[in-house]
Amino acid sequence: KKQTKLNLAKYKVGYILPQKDNGIDKNLKIYTEYHGAKFTSYEVHELFALPISKLPDLLFINYSCFDKKGEINPFFVLPIKIILISAGDRKDELEQIKNKIDKILYKPINFYRTTKSLEILKERKKETISKPKKPMIFNNIRALVAEDNLINQKLMTRVLNNLGIDITVVNNGEEALKTRQIDDKYDIIFMDIQMPIMGGITATKKIFDFEIKENKKHIPIIALTANALQGDKEKYIDAGMDDYISKPIQIEELKKVLEKFVNTAKIRSL
C-alpha cells in the first residue's frame, strides 16, 4: 500500500547528533524529506545558539544518548515540538517527562513509525487546547548571569528572555563582581558555582562585602549548581547567596525563585 505524503514542505525538522554517530539520522532524513520537510542534524551547542526564528518546528532526540537523569531537561524550554526516540527502557524516567514531550518514537525506527510521528506537525489545534496554562511574565526585570559554559549561557538567555527578563551574561565571577560594582540596575544575580578565574562563592563574598562597604542595596544572588550535595545550600547561604537552583534548570523552580526574590509588582500573568 502506497504511503500518502504528508505535505510538510513548510516545516523544519531537526535531530540532535549524539557524540557517536549511530546512523539513525540518515534514516530519519530519508523519511522526513520524503514528506517534503527540511531535515537538519545539530550539535547541542549549535541548536542552543540559534535564534528562535531559526529553530526547527520539530526535534527528534535519541534518549539513549542522554544517559544522566535530567540531562535532557534543557531541551524542554525550547518552543518547539519534541519527539523522543526510545528503546522502551528507563520507564520511570519517561513517566516523569512524558508531559514535557509531544511523542515517543519507539525503536526500531522505520518509515511507518516515523511518518506517524511527523503527523504531529499538523496538530496545531490540539496543542493549543492541551496547554491552557498561562505563561508568567516578569516586567522590567534585569538579571545578571555569571556562567562560563556557552550552552548554559544560551539556555539561561532563552529561558529568561521568554519570561520577559532583560539579561546580561558574564563569563566568570570576576566579571560579575566588576559588573555589580558599576551598576545597581539588576534585580537578581544568577551565579554559577564553578567558574574559571573567580568562582561563584568567592565572587558572592566580594559582592556582599562591596554592598556593605558602599552601603548599596543587596541584589539577591542565586547559586547555579550541578550535583548539589546535602549541606551545599548552607555553604552557599553562608557565603552570602540567597538561594540556589540545580542544573539542568527546571522552569518551575526558576519561576519560584523569581517570585520569591523579585518585586511582586513586576510580575503578572498574561
Foldseek 3Di string as FASTA:
>chain_A
DDDDAPQAQVFEEEEEAAPDHPPPLVQLCVLVVVNNHHYYYDHLLRQLVDDLVPHGQEYEYEVVSPPDQQSPVLVLLRPHAYEYEECPPPVVSCVVCVVSHDYYQYPPDDNVSSVVVVCVVVVVVVVPVVDPDFQKAFALAEEEEADQDSSVVSSVVSLQVVNVYHYDYDHALVVVLVVLLVDPRHQAYEAEQDGPPHGRLRSLLSNVVSCVVVVHDDRAYEYEEEPDDPPVQVVSVVSPHDYYAYPPGDSVVVVVVCCVRGDCVRMDTD
